[in-house]
Amino acid sequence: MPSKEHEALVEKVARVICFETGSMGDPMPIELQRVDRDWQEHVTAAKAAIFAIREALQEPTEVMTANGYVHCYNPDRTWSAMLAASALGEQSK
């Protein structure tokens, strides 16, 4: 069973997908979203996106490790440097 944190992340990503695609207008109350077909498609897309992100971060690349090592005394900077050096970081520029 997924954790509450995971379900909250899925909902957050699904809401962004919903907003970006504009397919549902303003997000509906959560009770109505659970039965809405479009919303279920957004949830499926969100789960796929989260899975892809996890896969991309599962094994750090050499560049990610090298960039993380430079900032090893500051966990926030380490994570930021490693993420920026990953394929995901390339997309956020």
PDB file of N, CA and C in Angstrom:
ATOM      1  N   MET A   1       0.848  -1.180   0.000  1.00  0.00           N
ATOM      2  CA  MET A   1       0.000   0.000   0.000  1.00  0.00           C
ATOM      3  C   MET A   1       0.894   1.244   0.000  1.00  0.00           C
ATOM      4  N   PRO A   2       0.643   2.169  -0.915  1.00  0.00           N
ATOM      5  CA  PRO A   2       1.470   3.376  -0.979  1.00  0.00           C
ATOM      6  C   PRO A   2       1.313   4.228   0.281  1.00  0.00           C
ATOM      7  N   SER A   3       2.389   4.904   0.644  1.00  0.00           N
ATOM      8  CA  SER A   3       2.344   5.775   1.814  1.00  0.00           C
ATOM      9  C   SER A   3       1.520   7.024   1.502  1.00  0.00           C
ATOM     10  N   LYS A   4       1.135   7.729   2.559  1.00  0.00           N
ATOM     11  CA  LYS A   4       0.390   8.976   2.371  1.00  0.00           C
ATOM     12  C   LYS A   4       1.249   9.996   1.632  1.00  0.00           C
ATOM     13  N   GLU A   5       2.556   9.988   1.909  1.00  0.00           N
ATOM     14  CA  GLU A   5       3.456  10.915   1.232  1.00  0.00           C
ATOM     15  C   GLU A   5       3.504  10.625  -0.263  1.00  0.00           C
ATOM     16  N   HIS A   6       3.544   9.330  -0.615  1.00  0.00           N
ATOM     17  CA  HIS A   6       3.576   8.950  -2.030  1.00  0.00           C
ATOM     18  C   HIS A   6       2.270   9.356  -2.715  1.00  0.00           C
ATOM     19  N   GLU A   7       1.151   9.098  -2.061  1.00  0.00           N
ATOM     20  CA  GLU A   7      -0.135   9.467  -2.650  1.00  0.00           C
ATOM     21  C   GLU A   7      -0.248  10.976  -2.814  1.00  0.00           C
ATOM     22  N   ALA A   8       0.285  11.735  -1.847  1.00  0.00           N
ATOM     23  CA  ALA A   8       0.265  13.198  -1.959  1.00  0.00           C
ATOM     24  C   ALA A   8       1.131  13.657  -3.132  1.00  0.00           C
ATOM     25  N   LEU A   9       2.268  12.995  -3.335  1.00  0.00           N
ATOM     26  CA  LEU A   9       3.132  13.332  -4.463  1.00  0.00           C
ATOM     27  C   LEU A   9       2.440  13.029  -5.784  1.00  0.00           C
ATOM     28  N   VAL A  10       1.792  11.877  -5.873  1.00  0.00           N
ATOM     29  CA  VAL A  10       1.059  11.517  -7.097  1.00  0.00           C
ATOM     30  C   VAL A  10      -0.013  12.569  -7.378  1.00  0.00           C
ATOM     31  N   GLU A  11      -0.753  12.963  -6.350  1.00  0.00           N
ATOM     32  CA  GLU A  11      -1.801  13.970  -6.549  1.00  0.00           C
ATOM     33  C   GLU A  11      -1.206  15.299  -7.001  1.00  0.00           C
ATOM     34  N   LYS A  12      -0.088  15.694  -6.389  1.00  0.00           N
ATOM     35  CA  LYS A  12       0.553  16.961  -6.755  1.00  0.00           C
ATOM     36  C   LYS A  12       0.988  16.945  -8.221  1.00  0.00           C
ATOM     37  N   VAL A  13       1.625  15.861  -8.652  1.00  0.00           N
ATOM     38  CA  VAL A  13       2.067  15.746 -10.044  1.00  0.00           C
ATOM     39  C   VAL A  13       0.859  15.700 -10.975  1.00  0.00           C
ATOM     40  N   ALA A  14      -0.178  14.972 -10.600  1.00  0.00           N
ATOM     41  CA  ALA A  14      -1.386  14.889 -11.427  1.00  0.00           C
ATOM     42  C   ALA A  14      -2.044  16.258 -11.580  1.00  0.00           C
ATOM     43  N   ARG A  15      -2.048  17.041 -10.521  1.00  0.00           N
ATOM     44  CA  ARG A  15      -2.619  18.390 -10.603  1.00  0.00           C
ATOM     45  C   ARG A  15      -1.821  19.262 -11.575  1.00  0.00           C
ATOM     46  N   VAL A  16      -0.500  19.130 -11.546  1.00  0.00           N
ATOM     47  CA  VAL A  16       0.329  19.893 -12.486  1.00  0.00           C
ATOM     48  C   VAL A  16       0.032  19.457 -13.915  1.00  0.00           C
ATOM     49  N   ILE A  17      -0.057  18.150 -14.139  1.00  0.00           N
ATOM     50  CA  ILE A  17      -0.392  17.639 -15.475  1.00  0.00           C
ATOM     51  C   ILE A  17      -1.761  18.171 -15.893  1.00  0.00           C
ATOM     52  N   CYS A  18      -2.711  18.136 -14.995  1.00  0.00           N
ATOM     53  CA  CYS A  18      -4.061  18.639 -15.265  1.00  0.00           C
ATOM     54  C   CYS A  18      -4.011  20.110 -15.661  1.00  0.00           C
ATOM     55  N   PHE A  19      -3.282  20.893 -14.911  1.00  0.00           N
ATOM     56  CA  PHE A  19      -3.185  22.325 -15.182  1.00  0.00           C
ATOM     57  C   PHE A  19      -2.494  22.584 -16.514  1.00  0.00           C
ATOM     58  N   GLU A  20      -1.378  21.874 -16.749  1.00  0.00           N
ATOM     59  CA  GLU A  20      -0.602  22.093 -17.970  1.00  0.00           C
ATOM     60  C   GLU A  20      -1.349  21.654 -19.222  1.00  0.00           C
ATOM     61  N   THR A  21      -2.131  20.600 -19.133  1.00  0.00           N
ATOM     62  CA  THR A  21      -2.873  20.142 -20.308  1.00  0.00           C
ATOM     63  C   THR A  21      -4.165  20.919 -20.490  1.00  0.00           C
ATOM     64  N   GLY A  22      -4.640  21.534 -19.421  1.00  0.00           N
ATOM     65  CA  GLY A  22      -5.860  22.324 -19.501  1.00  0.00           C
ATOM     66  C   GLY A  22      -7.100  21.505 -19.795  1.00  0.00           C
ATOM     67  N   SER A  23      -7.021  20.208 -19.587  1.00  0.00           N
ATOM     68  CA  SER A  23      -8.142  19.349 -19.970  1.00  0.00           C
ATOM     69  C   SER A  23      -9.308  19.392 -18.998  1.00  0.00           C
ATOM     70  N   MET A  24      -9.072  19.858 -17.790  1.00  0.00           N
ATOM     71  CA  MET A  24     -10.156  19.846 -16.806  1.00  0.00           C
ATOM     72  C   MET A  24     -10.448  21.236 -16.250  1.00  0.00           C
ATOM     73  N   GLY A  25      -9.821  22.261 -16.767  1.00  0.00           N
ATOM     74  CA  GLY A  25     -10.036  23.592 -16.213  1.00  0.00           C
ATOM     75  C   GLY A  25      -9.519  23.659 -14.794  1.00  0.00           C
ATOM     76  N   ASP A  26     -10.274  24.291 -13.929  1.00  0.00           N
ATOM     77  CA  ASP A  26      -9.880  24.363 -12.528  1.00  0.00           C
ATOM     78  C   ASP A  26      -9.982  22.984 -11.904  1.00  0.00           C
ATOM     79  N   PRO A  27      -8.978  22.596 -11.097  1.00  0.00           N
ATOM     80  CA  PRO A  27      -9.060  21.291 -10.439  1.00  0.00           C
ATOM     81  C   PRO A  27     -10.330  21.196  -9.589  1.00  0.00           C
ATOM     82  N   MET A  28     -10.997  20.071  -9.692  1.00  0.00           N
ATOM     83  CA  MET A  28     -12.235  19.841  -8.944  1.00  0.00           C
ATOM     84  C   MET A  28     -11.904  19.376  -7.529  1.00  0.00           C
ATOM     85  N   PRO A  29     -12.883  19.434  -6.621  1.00  0.00           N
ATOM     86  CA  PRO A  29     -12.647  18.878  -5.290  1.00  0.00           C
ATOM     87  C   PRO A  29     -12.215  17.419  -5.399  1.00  0.00           C
ATOM     88  N   ILE A  30     -11.372  17.004  -4.490  1.00  0.00           N
ATOM     89  CA  ILE A  30     -10.763  15.675  -4.558  1.00  0.00           C
ATOM     90  C   ILE A  30     -11.809  14.562  -4.619  1.00  0.00           C
ATOM     91  N   GLU A  31     -12.947  14.713  -3.966  1.00  0.00           N
ATOM     92  CA  GLU A  31     -13.968  13.657  -3.984  1.00  0.00           C
ATOM     93  C   GLU A  31     -14.480  13.417  -5.405  1.00  0.00           C
ATOM     94  N   LEU A  32     -14.642  14.475  -6.173  1.00  0.00           N
ATOM     95  CA  LEU A  32     -15.123  14.340  -7.548  1.00  0.00           C
ATOM     96  C   LEU A  32     -14.020  13.851  -8.482  1.00  0.00           C
ATOM     97  N   GLN A  33     -12.780  14.243  -8.191  1.00  0.00           N
ATOM     98  CA  GLN A  33     -11.668  13.855  -9.055  1.00  0.00           C
ATOM     99  C   GLN A  33     -11.484  12.349  -9.083  1.00  0.00           C
ATOM    100  N   ARG A  34     -11.715  11.698  -7.982  1.00  0.00           N
ATOM    101  CA  ARG A  34     -11.457  10.262  -7.904  1.00  0.00           C
ATOM    102  C   ARG A  34     -12.323   9.463  -8.883  1.00  0.00           C
ATOM    103  N   VAL A  35     -13.450   9.985  -9.265  1.00  0.00           N
ATOM    104  CA  VAL A  35     -14.314   9.253 -10.181  1.00  0.00           C
ATOM    105  C   VAL A  35     -14.259   9.813 -11.604  1.00  0.00           C
ATOM    106  N   ASP A  36     -13.567  10.888 -11.809  1.00  0.00           N
ATOM    107  CA  ASP A  36     -13.506  11.504 -13.125  1.00  0.00           C
ATOM    108  C   ASP A  36     -12.496  10.768 -14.011  1.00  0.00           C
ATOM    109  N   ARG A  37     -12.920  10.388 -15.203  1.00  0.00           N
ATOM    110  CA  ARG A  37     -12.066   9.623 -16.118  1.00  0.00           C
ATOM    111  C   ARG A  37     -10.800  10.400 -16.480  1.00  0.00           C
ATOM    112  N   ASP A  38     -10.940  11.693 -16.795  1.00  0.00           N
ATOM    113  CA  ASP A  38      -9.760  12.489 -17.137  1.00  0.00           C
ATOM    114  C   ASP A  38      -8.784  12.537 -15.968  1.00  0.00           C
ATOM    115  N   TRP A  39      -9.338  12.684 -14.770  1.00  0.00           N
ATOM    116  CA  TRP A  39      -8.466  12.740 -13.593  1.00  0.00           C
ATOM    117  C   TRP A  39      -7.697  11.428 -13.436  1.00  0.00           C
ATOM    118  N   GLN A  40      -8.356  10.309 -13.646  1.00  0.00           N
ATOM    119  CA  GLN A  40      -7.685   9.014 -13.534  1.00  0.00           C
ATOM    120  C   GLN A  40      -6.549   8.903 -14.553  1.00  0.00           C
ATOM    121  N   GLU A  41      -6.739   9.467 -15.732  1.00  0.00           N
ATOM    122  CA  GLU A  41      -5.662   9.473 -16.725  1.00  0.00           C
ATOM    123  C   GLU A  41      -4.490  10.322 -16.247  1.00  0.00           C
ATOM    124  N   HIS A  42      -4.789  11.445 -15.587  1.00  0.00           N
ATOM    125  CA  HIS A  42      -3.723  12.291 -15.047  1.00  0.00           C
ATOM    126  C   HIS A  42      -2.970  11.565 -13.934  1.00  0.00           C
ATOM    127  N   VAL A  43      -3.699  10.839 -13.105  1.00  0.00           N
ATOM    128  CA  VAL A  43      -3.063  10.069 -12.029  1.00  0.00           C
ATOM    129  C   VAL A  43      -2.150   9.000 -12.626  1.00  0.00           C
ATOM    130  N   THR A  44      -2.605   8.321 -13.666  1.00  0.00           N
ATOM    131  CA  THR A  44      -1.777   7.306 -14.325  1.00  0.00           C
ATOM    132  C   THR A  44      -0.517   7.939 -14.904  1.00  0.00           C
ATOM    133  N   ALA A  45      -0.663   9.090 -15.541  1.00  0.00           N
ATOM    134  CA  ALA A  45       0.498   9.794 -16.100  1.00  0.00           C
ATOM    135  C   ALA A  45       1.443  10.239 -14.990  1.00  0.00           C
ATOM    136  N   ALA A  46       0.891  10.692 -13.869  1.00  0.00           N
ATOM    137  CA  ALA A  46       1.718  11.123 -12.738  1.00  0.00           C
ATOM    138  C   ALA A  46       2.524   9.954 -12.179  1.00  0.00           C
ATOM    139  N   LYS A  47       1.878   8.802 -12.035  1.00  0.00           N
ATOM    140  CA  LYS A  47       2.589   7.621 -11.531  1.00  0.00           C
ATOM    141  C   LYS A  47       3.712   7.226 -12.483  1.00  0.00           C
ATOM    142  N   ALA A  48       3.461   7.314 -13.782  1.00  0.00           N
ATOM    143  CA  ALA A  48       4.499   6.992 -14.768  1.00  0.00           C
ATOM    144  C   ALA A  48       5.653   7.987 -14.679  1.00  0.00           C
ATOM    145  N   ALA A  49       5.337   9.262 -14.493  1.00  0.00           N
ATOM    146  CA  ALA A  49       6.383  10.281 -14.376  1.00  0.00           C
ATOM    147  C   ALA A  49       7.227  10.050 -13.129  1.00  0.00           C
ATOM    148  N   ILE A  50       6.585   9.753 -12.015  1.00  0.00           N
ATOM    149  CA  ILE A  50       7.317   9.496 -10.772  1.00  0.00           C
ATOM    150  C   ILE A  50       8.192   8.260 -10.919  1.00  0.00           C
ATOM    151  N   PHE A  51       7.680   7.220 -11.561  1.00  0.00           N
ATOM    152  CA  PHE A  51       8.463   6.014 -11.801  1.00  0.00           C
ATOM    153  C   PHE A  51       9.696   6.343 -12.648  1.00  0.00           C
ATOM    154  N   ALA A  52       9.514   7.140 -13.696  1.00  0.00           N
ATOM    155  CA  ALA A  52      10.636   7.503 -14.568  1.00  0.00           C
ATOM    156  C   ALA A  52      11.683   8.315 -13.811  1.00  0.00           C
ATOM    157  N   ILE A  53      11.239   9.198 -12.945  1.00  0.00           N
ATOM    158  CA  ILE A  53      12.175   9.995 -12.147  1.00  0.00           C
ATOM    159  C   ILE A  53      12.949   9.096 -11.193  1.00  0.00           C
ATOM    160  N   ARG A  54      12.251   8.182 -10.538  1.00  0.00           N
ATOM    161  CA  ARG A  54      12.941   7.244  -9.637  1.00  0.00           C
ATOM    162  C   ARG A  54      13.986   6.433 -10.390  1.00  0.00           C
ATOM    163  N   GLU A  55      13.623   5.949 -11.575  1.00  0.00           N
ATOM    164  CA  GLU A  55      14.564   5.178 -12.387  1.00  0.00           C
ATOM    165  C   GLU A  55      15.790   6.011 -12.736  1.00  0.00           C
ATOM    166  N   ALA A  56      15.571   7.277 -13.096  1.00  0.00           N
ATOM    167  CA  ALA A  56      16.681   8.152 -13.483  1.00  0.00           C
ATOM    168  C   ALA A  56      17.618   8.430 -12.313  1.00  0.00           C
ATOM    169  N   LEU A  57      17.088   8.414 -11.100  1.00  0.00           N
ATOM    170  CA  LEU A  57      17.902   8.727  -9.925  1.00  0.00           C
ATOM    171  C   LEU A  57      18.373   7.490  -9.171  1.00  0.00           C
ATOM    172  N   GLN A  58      17.955   6.319  -9.605  1.00  0.00           N
ATOM    173  CA  GLN A  58      18.293   5.080  -8.906  1.00  0.00           C
ATOM    174  C   GLN A  58      19.803   4.881  -8.808  1.00  0.00           C
ATOM    175  N   GLU A  59      20.482   5.001  -9.911  1.00  0.00           N
ATOM    176  CA  GLU A  59      21.931   4.828  -9.954  1.00  0.00           C
ATOM    177  C   GLU A  59      22.578   6.146 -10.358  1.00  0.00           C
ATOM    178  N   PRO A  60      23.321   6.781  -9.463  1.00  0.00           N
ATOM    179  CA  PRO A  60      23.951   8.046  -9.834  1.00  0.00           C
ATOM    180  C   PRO A  60      25.009   7.838 -10.924  1.00  0.00           C
ATOM    181  N   THR A  61      25.061   8.777 -11.848  1.00  0.00           N
ATOM    182  CA  THR A  61      26.077   8.729 -12.898  1.00  0.00           C
ATOM    183  C   THR A  61      27.395   9.243 -12.332  1.00  0.00           C
ATOM    184  N   GLU A  62      28.475   9.080 -13.084  1.00  0.00           N
ATOM    185  CA  GLU A  62      29.776   9.585 -12.633  1.00  0.00           C
ATOM    186  C   GLU A  62      29.729  11.092 -12.433  1.00  0.00           C
ATOM    187  N   VAL A  63      29.058  11.794 -13.334  1.00  0.00           N
ATOM    188  CA  VAL A  63      28.967  13.251 -13.221  1.00  0.00           C
ATOM    189  C   VAL A  63      28.185  13.639 -11.968  1.00  0.00           C
ATOM    190  N   MET A  64      27.098  12.918 -11.694  1.00  0.00           N
ATOM    191  CA  MET A  64      26.324  13.204 -10.485  1.00  0.00           C
ATOM    192  C   MET A  64      27.177  12.993  -9.238  1.00  0.00           C
ATOM    193  N   THR A  65      27.900  11.893  -9.198  1.00  0.00           N
ATOM    194  CA  THR A  65      28.740  11.588  -8.037  1.00  0.00           C
ATOM    195  C   THR A  65      29.833  12.633  -7.872  1.00  0.00           C
ATOM    196  N   ALA A  66      30.477  12.998  -8.967  1.00  0.00           N
ATOM    197  CA  ALA A  66      31.550  13.997  -8.905  1.00  0.00           C
ATOM    198  C   ALA A  66      31.010  15.338  -8.426  1.00  0.00           C
ATOM    199  N   ASN A  67      29.882  15.763  -8.951  1.00  0.00           N
ATOM    200  CA  ASN A  67      29.301  17.034  -8.526  1.00  0.00           C
ATOM    201  C   ASN A  67      28.830  16.975  -7.079  1.00  0.00           C
ATOM    202  N   GLY A  68      28.333  15.846  -6.643  1.00  0.00           N
ATOM    203  CA  GLY A  68      27.913  15.698  -5.259  1.00  0.00           C
ATOM    204  C   GLY A  68      29.091  15.722  -4.303  1.00  0.00           C
ATOM    205  N   TYR A  69      30.208  15.121  -4.710  1.00  0.00           N
ATOM    206  CA  TYR A  69      31.393  15.062  -3.854  1.00  0.00           C
ATOM    207  C   TYR A  69      31.943  16.450  -3.570  1.00  0.00           C
ATOM    208  N   VAL A  70      31.886  17.331  -4.557  1.00  0.00           N
ATOM    209  CA  VAL A  70      32.404  18.691  -4.394  1.00  0.00           C
ATOM    210  C   VAL A  70      31.685  19.402  -3.252  1.00  0.00           C
ATOM    211  N   HIS A  71      30.427  19.097  -3.058  1.00  0.00           N
ATOM    212  CA  HIS A  71      29.616  19.771  -2.040  1.00  0.00           C
ATOM    213  C   HIS A  71      29.290  18.848  -0.862  1.00  0.00           C
ATOM    214  N   CYS A  72      30.155  17.891  -0.571  1.00  0.00           N
ATOM    215  CA  CYS A  72      29.815  16.837   0.387  1.00  0.00           C
ATOM    216  C   CYS A  72      29.561  17.320   1.811  1.00  0.00           C
ATOM    217  N   TYR A  73      29.963  18.524   2.156  1.00  0.00           N
ATOM    218  CA  TYR A  73      29.749  18.996   3.524  1.00  0.00           C
ATOM    219  C   TYR A  73      28.422  19.734   3.689  1.00  0.00           C
ATOM    220  N   ASN A  74      27.685  19.882   2.600  1.00  0.00           N
ATOM    221  CA  ASN A  74      26.398  20.565   2.653  1.00  0.00           C
ATOM    222  C   ASN A  74      25.371  19.704   1.923  1.00  0.00           C
ATOM    223  N   PRO A  75      24.564  18.949   2.657  1.00  0.00           N
ATOM    224  CA  PRO A  75      23.629  18.014   2.013  1.00  0.00           C
ATOM    225  C   PRO A  75      22.701  18.663   0.985  1.00  0.00           C
ATOM    226  N   ASP A  76      22.211  19.870   1.269  1.00  0.00           N
ATOM    227  CA  ASP A  76      21.318  20.530   0.310  1.00  0.00           C
ATOM    228  C   ASP A  76      22.041  20.832  -0.993  1.00  0.00           C
ATOM    229  N   ARG A  77      23.258  21.335  -0.893  1.00  0.00           N
ATOM    230  CA  ARG A  77      24.027  21.635  -2.108  1.00  0.00           C
ATOM    231  C   ARG A  77      24.444  20.351  -2.805  1.00  0.00           C
ATOM    232  N   THR A  78      24.723  19.299  -2.029  1.00  0.00           N
ATOM    233  CA  THR A  78      25.079  18.010  -2.634  1.00  0.00           C
ATOM    234  C   THR A  78      23.927  17.515  -3.491  1.00  0.00           C
ATOM    235  N   TRP A  79      22.728  17.485  -2.914  1.00  0.00           N
ATOM    236  CA  TRP A  79      21.560  17.005  -3.660  1.00  0.00           C
ATOM    237  C   TRP A  79      21.303  17.891  -4.877  1.00  0.00           C
ATOM    238  N   SER A  80      21.359  19.199  -4.699  1.00  0.00           N
ATOM    239  CA  SER A  80      21.112  20.114  -5.820  1.00  0.00           C
ATOM    240  C   SER A  80      22.123  19.906  -6.935  1.00  0.00           C
ATOM    241  N   ALA A  81      23.400  19.748  -6.571  1.00  0.00           N
ATOM    242  CA  ALA A  81      24.445  19.545  -7.578  1.00  0.00           C
ATOM    243  C   ALA A  81      24.262  18.217  -8.298  1.00  0.00           C
ATOM    244  N   MET A  82      23.929  17.171  -7.559  1.00  0.00           N
ATOM    245  CA  MET A  82      23.735  15.863  -8.186  1.00  0.00           C
ATOM    246  C   MET A  82      22.506  15.866  -9.093  1.00  0.00           C
ATOM    247  N   LEU A  83      21.430  16.481  -8.643  1.00  0.00           N
ATOM    248  CA  LEU A  83      20.226  16.546  -9.469  1.00  0.00           C
ATOM    249  C   LEU A  83      20.482  17.368 -10.729  1.00  0.00           C
ATOM    250  N   ALA A  84      21.191  18.485 -10.588  1.00  0.00           N
ATOM    251  CA  ALA A  84      21.501  19.317 -11.751  1.00  0.00           C
ATOM    252  C   ALA A  84      22.361  18.566 -12.759  1.00  0.00           C
ATOM    253  N   ALA A  85      23.198  17.654 -12.279  1.00  0.00           N
ATOM    254  CA  ALA A  85      24.073  16.888 -13.173  1.00  0.00           C
ATOM    255  C   ALA A  85      23.368  15.687 -13.790  1.00  0.00           C
ATOM    256  N   SER A  86      22.157  15.396 -13.337  1.00  0.00           N
ATOM    257  CA  SER A  86      21.416  14.247 -13.870  1.00  0.00           C
ATOM    258  C   SER A  86      20.647  14.642 -15.124  1.00  0.00           C
ATOM    259  N   ALA A  87      20.062  13.649 -15.761  1.00  0.00           N
ATOM    260  CA  ALA A  87      19.230  13.914 -16.937  1.00  0.00           C
ATOM    261  C   ALA A  87      18.035  14.791 -16.567  1.00  0.00           C
ATOM    262  N   LEU A  88      17.547  14.679 -15.346  1.00  0.00           N
ATOM    263  CA  LEU A  88      16.426  15.509 -14.908  1.00  0.00           C
ATOM    264  C   LEU A  88      16.830  16.965 -14.795  1.00  0.00           C
ATOM    265  N   GLY A  89      18.031  17.218 -14.327  1.00  0.00           N
ATOM    266  CA  GLY A  89      18.527  18.587 -14.214  1.00  0.00           C
ATOM    267  C   GLY A  89      18.651  19.259 -15.562  1.00  0.00           C
ATOM    268  N   GLU A  90      18.992  18.484 -16.566  1.00  0.00           N
ATOM    269  CA  GLU A  90      19.105  19.034 -17.913  1.00  0.00           C
ATOM    270  C   GLU A  90      17.767  19.561 -18.389  1.00  0.00           C
ATOM    271  N   GLN A  91      16.683  18.927 -17.986  1.00  0.00           N
ATOM    272  CA  GLN A  91      15.351  19.333 -18.426  1.00  0.00           C
ATOM    273  C   GLN A  91      14.879  20.601 -17.730  1.00  0.00           C
ATOM    274  N   SER A  92      15.423  20.892 -16.548  1.00  0.00           N
ATOM    275  CA  SER A  92      14.916  22.025 -15.782  1.00  0.00           C
ATOM    276  C   SER A  92      15.620  23.330 -16.099  1.00  0.00           C
ATOM    277  N   LYS A  93      16.592  23.306 -16.981  1.00  0.00           N
ATOM    278  CA  LYS A  93      17.322  24.536 -17.296  1.00  0.00           C
ATOM    279  C   LYS A  93      16.503  25.454 -18.161  1.00  0.00           C
TER     280      LYS A  93
END
